[in-house]
Amino acid sequence: MKLILKQSVPNLGEVGQVVTVKPGYGRNYLIPHGLAYVASAENLARIEAEQAKAKETARRDFLEARRRASQLEGLYLSFSENAGEDGQLFGSVTAADITEQVNASDIDFELDRKAVQLEDVIKMVGETQVPIRLHADVTIEITVNVESAEG
């Protein structure tokens, strides 16, 4: 019996995959539990169309992320914060601060705070390379400089 999986099934296959199973397993378990449906010609055509659409959407998302990365390339952010004589900041520079300053620059999109891949807040004076993840395959680093505020 040929079925198309609606969900990933361990030791059987992934979503959208066409699998061959014994009729009893398909009729008594996979179909009633909503894990699969019969691989008719109509359903196969629908799955192929969905996969083609998903592939096109993924390609479009990747190209958009590359375009956005080109706008962020070479971006240099500067923060002026109160710091002690040892360079330790009294506060910190967070992902939200970086996002706010990036969005205030001349880019034509809104950067999401979750895209800023800051491992921990910046607590020292100096330059730091901060990765910005725009897509699963597109990450770019921007330079963040933190200076000690005078007075």
N, C-alpha and C. Protein backbone atom coordinates (compact mmCIF):
# COMPACT_ATOMS: atom_id res chain seq x y z
N MET A 1 0.85 -1.18 0.00
CA MET A 1 0.00 0.00 0.00
C MET A 1 0.90 1.24 0.00
N LYS A 2 0.63 2.16 -0.94
CA LYS A 2 1.41 3.39 -1.02
C LYS A 2 0.67 4.51 -0.31
N LEU A 3 1.42 5.23 0.58
CA LEU A 3 0.86 6.34 1.35
C LEU A 3 1.77 7.55 1.26
N ILE A 4 1.18 8.72 1.48
CA ILE A 4 1.94 9.97 1.57
C ILE A 4 1.89 10.39 3.03
N LEU A 5 3.05 10.63 3.63
CA LEU A 5 3.11 10.98 5.05
C LEU A 5 2.72 12.44 5.29
N LYS A 6 1.81 12.65 6.24
CA LYS A 6 1.42 14.00 6.66
C LYS A 6 2.37 14.51 7.73
N GLN A 7 2.94 13.58 8.50
CA GLN A 7 3.89 13.90 9.56
C GLN A 7 5.06 12.95 9.45
N SER A 8 6.18 13.35 10.03
CA SER A 8 7.33 12.45 10.07
C SER A 8 7.03 11.28 10.98
N VAL A 9 7.38 10.08 10.53
CA VAL A 9 7.17 8.87 11.31
C VAL A 9 8.54 8.21 11.47
N PRO A 10 8.98 8.00 12.73
CA PRO A 10 10.29 7.38 12.95
C PRO A 10 10.39 6.03 12.23
N ASN A 11 11.54 5.79 11.68
CA ASN A 11 11.85 4.54 10.96
C ASN A 11 10.99 4.30 9.73
N LEU A 12 10.28 5.36 9.27
CA LEU A 12 9.45 5.20 8.07
C LEU A 12 9.75 6.30 7.06
N GLY A 13 9.65 7.58 7.46
CA GLY A 13 9.92 8.65 6.50
C GLY A 13 9.56 10.01 7.03
N GLU A 14 9.78 11.02 6.18
CA GLU A 14 9.55 12.43 6.51
C GLU A 14 8.25 12.93 5.88
N VAL A 15 7.85 14.12 6.28
CA VAL A 15 6.63 14.75 5.76
C VAL A 15 6.70 14.84 4.23
N GLY A 16 5.60 14.46 3.56
CA GLY A 16 5.51 14.56 2.11
C GLY A 16 6.13 13.40 1.36
N GLN A 17 6.77 12.51 2.05
CA GLN A 17 7.42 11.38 1.40
C GLN A 17 6.39 10.31 1.07
N VAL A 18 6.55 9.66 -0.09
CA VAL A 18 5.69 8.55 -0.48
C VAL A 18 6.36 7.27 0.01
N VAL A 19 5.62 6.49 0.81
CA VAL A 19 6.18 5.26 1.38
C VAL A 19 5.28 4.09 1.03
N THR A 20 5.86 2.91 1.02
CA THR A 20 5.11 1.67 0.80
C THR A 20 5.08 0.91 2.12
N VAL A 21 3.88 0.61 2.59
CA VAL A 21 3.72 -0.12 3.86
C VAL A 21 2.75 -1.28 3.65
N LYS A 22 2.70 -2.15 4.62
CA LYS A 22 1.74 -3.25 4.57
C LYS A 22 0.34 -2.66 4.74
N PRO A 23 -0.65 -3.20 4.04
CA PRO A 23 -2.02 -2.65 4.09
C PRO A 23 -2.58 -2.50 5.50
N GLY A 24 -2.36 -3.47 6.38
CA GLY A 24 -2.89 -3.40 7.74
C GLY A 24 -2.30 -2.23 8.52
N TYR A 25 -1.00 -2.00 8.39
CA TYR A 25 -0.33 -0.90 9.08
C TYR A 25 -0.87 0.44 8.59
N GLY A 26 -1.08 0.54 7.30
CA GLY A 26 -1.62 1.78 6.74
C GLY A 26 -3.06 2.02 7.15
N ARG A 27 -3.93 1.02 6.96
CA ARG A 27 -5.37 1.16 7.27
C ARG A 27 -5.67 1.26 8.76
N ASN A 28 -4.92 0.52 9.58
CA ASN A 28 -5.23 0.44 11.00
C ASN A 28 -4.47 1.43 11.88
N TYR A 29 -3.36 1.95 11.38
CA TYR A 29 -2.59 2.85 12.24
C TYR A 29 -2.32 4.22 11.60
N LEU A 30 -1.65 4.23 10.46
CA LEU A 30 -1.21 5.50 9.87
C LEU A 30 -2.37 6.40 9.46
N ILE A 31 -3.33 5.88 8.72
CA ILE A 31 -4.45 6.71 8.25
C ILE A 31 -5.36 7.13 9.40
N PRO A 32 -5.81 6.23 10.29
CA PRO A 32 -6.69 6.66 11.39
C PRO A 32 -6.03 7.67 12.34
N HIS A 33 -4.72 7.61 12.52
CA HIS A 33 -4.03 8.54 13.41
C HIS A 33 -3.63 9.84 12.71
N GLY A 34 -4.03 9.98 11.46
CA GLY A 34 -3.77 11.22 10.72
C GLY A 34 -2.31 11.40 10.35
N LEU A 35 -1.57 10.32 10.28
CA LEU A 35 -0.15 10.40 9.94
C LEU A 35 0.11 10.30 8.44
N ALA A 36 -0.88 9.79 7.69
CA ALA A 36 -0.68 9.60 6.25
C ALA A 36 -2.03 9.57 5.55
N TYR A 37 -1.98 9.69 4.22
CA TYR A 37 -3.17 9.51 3.40
C TYR A 37 -2.77 8.75 2.15
N VAL A 38 -3.78 8.19 1.48
CA VAL A 38 -3.54 7.32 0.33
C VAL A 38 -2.85 8.09 -0.80
N ALA A 39 -1.89 7.43 -1.43
CA ALA A 39 -1.12 8.05 -2.51
C ALA A 39 -1.82 7.87 -3.85
N SER A 40 -2.97 8.52 -4.00
CA SER A 40 -3.69 8.48 -5.28
C SER A 40 -3.00 9.43 -6.26
N ALA A 41 -3.36 9.36 -7.51
CA ALA A 41 -2.76 10.24 -8.53
C ALA A 41 -3.03 11.70 -8.18
N GLU A 42 -4.24 11.98 -7.72
CA GLU A 42 -4.61 13.36 -7.35
C GLU A 42 -3.77 13.86 -6.17
N ASN A 43 -3.61 13.02 -5.15
CA ASN A 43 -2.83 13.41 -3.98
C ASN A 43 -1.34 13.57 -4.32
N LEU A 44 -0.83 12.70 -5.19
CA LEU A 44 0.57 12.82 -5.62
C LEU A 44 0.80 14.13 -6.36
N ALA A 45 -0.14 14.50 -7.24
CA ALA A 45 -0.02 15.76 -7.97
C ALA A 45 -0.05 16.94 -7.00
N ARG A 46 -0.93 16.88 -5.99
CA ARG A 46 -1.03 17.96 -5.02
C ARG A 46 0.27 18.08 -4.21
N ILE A 47 0.84 16.95 -3.81
CA ILE A 47 2.09 16.96 -3.04
C ILE A 47 3.21 17.56 -3.88
N GLU A 48 3.29 17.19 -5.14
CA GLU A 48 4.33 17.74 -6.02
C GLU A 48 4.18 19.24 -6.17
N ALA A 49 2.95 19.71 -6.31
CA ALA A 49 2.70 21.15 -6.42
C ALA A 49 3.09 21.87 -5.14
N GLU A 50 2.75 21.28 -3.98
CA GLU A 50 3.11 21.89 -2.70
C GLU A 50 4.62 21.95 -2.52
N GLN A 51 5.31 20.89 -2.91
CA GLN A 51 6.76 20.86 -2.78
C GLN A 51 7.42 21.88 -3.71
N ALA A 52 6.89 22.02 -4.92
CA ALA A 52 7.44 23.02 -5.86
C ALA A 52 7.22 24.43 -5.32
N LYS A 53 6.04 24.67 -4.74
CA LYS A 53 5.74 25.98 -4.17
C LYS A 53 6.65 26.26 -2.98
N ALA A 54 6.85 25.27 -2.13
CA ALA A 54 7.72 25.43 -0.96
C ALA A 54 9.16 25.70 -1.39
N LYS A 55 9.61 25.02 -2.43
CA LYS A 55 10.97 25.21 -2.94
C LYS A 55 11.14 26.64 -3.47
N GLU A 56 10.15 27.13 -4.21
CA GLU A 56 10.19 28.50 -4.74
C GLU A 56 10.17 29.53 -3.62
N THR A 57 9.35 29.30 -2.60
CA THR A 57 9.28 30.21 -1.46
C THR A 57 10.62 30.24 -0.72
N ALA A 58 11.23 29.08 -0.53
CA ALA A 58 12.52 29.00 0.14
C ALA A 58 13.59 29.74 -0.66
N ARG A 59 13.56 29.60 -1.97
CA ARG A 59 14.54 30.29 -2.83
C ARG A 59 14.34 31.80 -2.74
N ARG A 60 13.08 32.24 -2.75
CA ARG A 60 12.77 33.67 -2.66
C ARG A 60 13.22 34.24 -1.31
N ASP A 61 12.97 33.48 -0.23
CA ASP A 61 13.39 33.92 1.11
C ASP A 61 14.91 34.04 1.20
N PHE A 62 15.62 33.08 0.60
CA PHE A 62 17.08 33.11 0.60
C PHE A 62 17.60 34.34 -0.14
N LEU A 63 17.03 34.61 -1.32
CA LEU A 63 17.48 35.76 -2.11
C LEU A 63 17.19 37.08 -1.38
N GLU A 64 16.04 37.16 -0.70
CA GLU A 64 15.71 38.36 0.07
C GLU A 64 16.69 38.53 1.24
N ALA A 65 17.04 37.44 1.89
CA ALA A 65 18.01 37.51 2.99
C ALA A 65 19.37 37.96 2.48
N ARG A 66 19.78 37.50 1.31
CA ARG A 66 21.06 37.94 0.71
C ARG A 66 21.02 39.42 0.39
N ARG A 67 19.87 39.91 -0.12
CA ARG A 67 19.73 41.34 -0.42
C ARG A 67 19.86 42.16 0.86
N ARG A 68 19.19 41.70 1.92
CA ARG A 68 19.27 42.41 3.19
C ARG A 68 20.68 42.38 3.77
N ALA A 69 21.36 41.25 3.61
CA ALA A 69 22.73 41.14 4.11
C ALA A 69 23.65 42.13 3.41
N SER A 70 23.42 42.35 2.13
CA SER A 70 24.26 43.31 1.40
C SER A 70 24.07 44.72 1.95
N GLN A 71 22.88 45.04 2.46
CA GLN A 71 22.65 46.36 3.06
C GLN A 71 23.36 46.49 4.41
N LEU A 72 23.50 45.38 5.12
CA LEU A 72 24.15 45.41 6.43
C LEU A 72 25.66 45.27 6.35
N GLU A 73 26.16 44.86 5.18
CA GLU A 73 27.58 44.64 5.01
C GLU A 73 28.38 45.91 5.32
N GLY A 74 29.39 45.75 6.16
CA GLY A 74 30.24 46.88 6.51
C GLY A 74 29.61 47.85 7.51
N LEU A 75 28.47 47.49 8.09
CA LEU A 75 27.79 48.37 9.04
C LEU A 75 28.61 48.49 10.31
N TYR A 76 28.78 49.72 10.79
CA TYR A 76 29.58 50.01 11.98
C TYR A 76 28.69 50.78 12.94
N LEU A 77 28.40 50.18 14.08
CA LEU A 77 27.57 50.84 15.09
C LEU A 77 28.46 51.32 16.22
N SER A 78 28.12 52.48 16.76
CA SER A 78 28.91 53.05 17.85
C SER A 78 27.99 53.40 19.01
N PHE A 79 28.37 52.97 20.20
CA PHE A 79 27.62 53.26 21.42
C PHE A 79 28.53 53.99 22.39
N SER A 80 27.97 54.94 23.11
CA SER A 80 28.71 55.66 24.13
C SER A 80 28.03 55.37 25.47
N GLU A 81 28.72 54.65 26.32
CA GLU A 81 28.14 54.20 27.60
C GLU A 81 29.04 54.62 28.76
N ASN A 82 28.45 54.74 29.93
CA ASN A 82 29.23 55.03 31.14
C ASN A 82 30.03 53.79 31.52
N ALA A 83 31.32 54.00 31.81
CA ALA A 83 32.19 52.87 32.12
C ALA A 83 33.18 53.28 33.21
N GLY A 84 33.66 52.29 33.93
CA GLY A 84 34.68 52.52 34.94
C GLY A 84 36.03 52.66 34.27
N GLU A 85 37.05 52.93 35.07
CA GLU A 85 38.39 53.14 34.51
C GLU A 85 38.98 51.87 33.91
N ASP A 86 38.48 50.71 34.34
CA ASP A 86 38.98 49.45 33.80
C ASP A 86 38.29 49.04 32.50
N GLY A 87 37.36 49.88 32.01
CA GLY A 87 36.66 49.60 30.76
C GLY A 87 35.38 48.81 30.96
N GLN A 88 35.07 48.45 32.18
CA GLN A 88 33.84 47.71 32.50
C GLN A 88 32.67 48.70 32.44
N LEU A 89 31.63 48.35 31.66
CA LEU A 89 30.45 49.22 31.56
C LEU A 89 29.61 49.13 32.82
N PHE A 90 29.01 50.26 33.20
CA PHE A 90 28.08 50.25 34.33
C PHE A 90 26.77 49.59 33.93
N GLY A 91 26.43 49.70 32.68
CA GLY A 91 25.25 49.03 32.12
C GLY A 91 25.72 47.97 31.15
N SER A 92 25.02 47.82 30.04
CA SER A 92 25.44 46.88 29.01
C SER A 92 24.78 47.27 27.69
N VAL A 93 25.31 46.74 26.61
CA VAL A 93 24.72 46.92 25.28
C VAL A 93 24.08 45.58 24.94
N THR A 94 22.77 45.61 24.68
CA THR A 94 22.01 44.38 24.45
C THR A 94 21.65 44.23 22.98
N ALA A 95 21.07 43.08 22.66
CA ALA A 95 20.59 42.82 21.29
C ALA A 95 19.52 43.84 20.91
N ALA A 96 18.69 44.24 21.88
CA ALA A 96 17.65 45.23 21.61
C ALA A 96 18.27 46.59 21.25
N ASP A 97 19.35 46.98 21.94
CA ASP A 97 20.03 48.23 21.62
C ASP A 97 20.61 48.20 20.21
N ILE A 98 21.21 47.07 19.86
CA ILE A 98 21.81 46.92 18.53
C ILE A 98 20.72 46.97 17.46
N THR A 99 19.62 46.26 17.69
CA THR A 99 18.49 46.24 16.75
C THR A 99 17.94 47.64 16.54
N GLU A 100 17.77 48.37 17.63
CA GLU A 100 17.23 49.74 17.56
C GLU A 100 18.13 50.63 16.70
N GLN A 101 19.45 50.53 16.89
CA GLN A 101 20.35 51.37 16.12
C GLN A 101 20.43 50.94 14.65
N VAL A 102 20.37 49.65 14.41
CA VAL A 102 20.36 49.16 13.01
C VAL A 102 19.11 49.67 12.30
N ASN A 103 17.95 49.58 12.97
CA ASN A 103 16.70 50.03 12.36
C ASN A 103 16.67 51.53 12.15
N ALA A 104 17.44 52.29 12.94
CA ALA A 104 17.50 53.73 12.77
C ALA A 104 18.42 54.12 11.60
N SER A 105 19.24 53.17 11.14
CA SER A 105 20.12 53.46 10.00
C SER A 105 19.31 53.44 8.71
N ASP A 106 19.98 53.60 7.58
CA ASP A 106 19.26 53.75 6.30
C ASP A 106 19.00 52.43 5.58
N ILE A 107 18.53 51.41 6.30
CA ILE A 107 18.15 50.16 5.65
C ILE A 107 16.65 50.21 5.32
N ASP A 108 16.24 49.44 4.33
CA ASP A 108 14.84 49.50 3.89
C ASP A 108 13.97 48.36 4.44
N PHE A 109 14.40 47.76 5.55
CA PHE A 109 13.61 46.70 6.19
C PHE A 109 13.76 46.83 7.69
N GLU A 110 12.88 46.16 8.40
CA GLU A 110 12.88 46.18 9.87
C GLU A 110 13.60 44.93 10.36
N LEU A 111 14.73 45.11 11.05
CA LEU A 111 15.49 43.98 11.59
C LEU A 111 14.80 43.49 12.86
N ASP A 112 14.61 42.18 12.95
CA ASP A 112 14.00 41.57 14.13
C ASP A 112 15.08 41.37 15.19
N ARG A 113 14.75 41.61 16.44
CA ARG A 113 15.72 41.48 17.53
C ARG A 113 16.27 40.06 17.61
N LYS A 114 15.46 39.07 17.25
CA LYS A 114 15.89 37.67 17.31
C LYS A 114 16.99 37.36 16.29
N ALA A 115 17.15 38.21 15.29
CA ALA A 115 18.18 37.99 14.28
C ALA A 115 19.57 38.30 14.83
N VAL A 116 19.65 39.14 15.85
CA VAL A 116 20.94 39.51 16.44
C VAL A 116 21.39 38.35 17.32
N GLN A 117 22.47 37.70 16.91
CA GLN A 117 22.95 36.50 17.59
C GLN A 117 24.03 36.84 18.63
N LEU A 118 23.68 37.69 19.57
CA LEU A 118 24.60 38.11 20.61
C LEU A 118 24.58 37.05 21.71
N GLU A 119 25.74 36.39 21.95
CA GLU A 119 25.80 35.32 22.95
C GLU A 119 25.50 35.85 24.34
N ASP A 120 26.10 36.97 24.69
CA ASP A 120 25.88 37.60 25.98
C ASP A 120 25.95 39.10 25.76
N VAL A 121 25.34 39.89 26.63
CA VAL A 121 25.36 41.34 26.46
C VAL A 121 26.80 41.84 26.49
N ILE A 122 27.04 42.97 25.85
CA ILE A 122 28.38 43.55 25.81
C ILE A 122 28.57 44.38 27.07
N LYS A 123 29.59 44.06 27.85
CA LYS A 123 29.82 44.73 29.13
C LYS A 123 31.18 45.42 29.21
N MET A 124 31.92 45.42 28.11
CA MET A 124 33.25 46.04 28.10
C MET A 124 33.37 47.04 26.95
N VAL A 125 34.21 48.05 27.17
CA VAL A 125 34.52 49.02 26.13
C VAL A 125 35.35 48.31 25.06
N GLY A 126 35.11 48.64 23.78
CA GLY A 126 35.89 48.06 22.69
C GLY A 126 35.00 47.64 21.53
N GLU A 127 35.65 47.06 20.51
CA GLU A 127 34.92 46.60 19.33
C GLU A 127 34.56 45.13 19.47
N THR A 128 33.37 44.80 18.99
CA THR A 128 32.89 43.42 19.01
C THR A 128 32.24 43.11 17.67
N GLN A 129 32.50 41.92 17.15
CA GLN A 129 31.83 41.47 15.93
C GLN A 129 30.55 40.75 16.36
N VAL A 130 29.42 41.23 15.86
CA VAL A 130 28.13 40.64 16.25
C VAL A 130 27.49 40.00 15.02
N PRO A 131 27.23 38.69 15.07
CA PRO A 131 26.57 38.02 13.94
C PRO A 131 25.07 38.35 13.87
N ILE A 132 24.60 38.60 12.65
CA ILE A 132 23.19 38.84 12.38
C ILE A 132 22.73 37.70 11.48
N ARG A 133 21.77 36.90 11.95
CA ARG A 133 21.28 35.75 11.17
C ARG A 133 19.97 36.14 10.50
N LEU A 134 20.03 36.30 9.18
CA LEU A 134 18.87 36.72 8.41
C LEU A 134 18.10 35.55 7.81
N HIS A 135 18.75 34.40 7.74
CA HIS A 135 18.16 33.20 7.13
C HIS A 135 19.01 32.03 7.62
N ALA A 136 18.51 30.83 7.51
CA ALA A 136 19.27 29.67 7.95
C ALA A 136 20.64 29.60 7.28
N ASP A 137 20.74 30.08 6.04
CA ASP A 137 22.00 30.02 5.29
C ASP A 137 22.66 31.38 5.12
N VAL A 138 22.13 32.44 5.72
CA VAL A 138 22.70 33.78 5.53
C VAL A 138 22.93 34.44 6.90
N THR A 139 24.21 34.55 7.25
CA THR A 139 24.60 35.24 8.48
C THR A 139 25.70 36.23 8.11
N ILE A 140 25.59 37.43 8.65
CA ILE A 140 26.58 38.46 8.38
C ILE A 140 27.02 39.06 9.72
N GLU A 141 28.26 39.51 9.79
CA GLU A 141 28.75 40.12 11.02
C GLU A 141 28.83 41.63 10.85
N ILE A 142 28.39 42.35 11.89
CA ILE A 142 28.53 43.80 11.92
C ILE A 142 29.45 44.15 13.08
N THR A 143 30.09 45.31 13.00
CA THR A 143 30.99 45.76 14.03
C THR A 143 30.26 46.69 14.99
N VAL A 144 30.36 46.38 16.27
CA VAL A 144 29.77 47.22 17.31
C VAL A 144 30.90 47.75 18.16
N ASN A 145 31.02 49.08 18.21
CA ASN A 145 32.07 49.72 19.00
C ASN A 145 31.42 50.39 20.20
N VAL A 146 31.94 50.09 21.39
CA VAL A 146 31.44 50.68 22.62
C VAL A 146 32.56 51.56 23.18
N GLU A 147 32.21 52.84 23.36
CA GLU A 147 33.17 53.80 23.90
C GLU A 147 32.72 54.25 25.27
N SER A 148 33.67 54.70 26.05
CA SER A 148 33.36 55.24 27.37
C SER A 148 32.83 56.64 27.23
N ALA A 149 31.68 56.92 27.87
CA ALA A 149 31.10 58.26 27.83
C ALA A 149 31.90 59.18 28.73
N GLU A 150 32.13 60.40 28.27
CA GLU A 150 32.90 61.36 29.06
C GLU A 150 32.02 61.99 30.11
N GLY A 151 32.59 62.13 31.29
CA GLY A 151 31.98 62.91 32.36
C GLY A 151 30.86 62.27 33.04
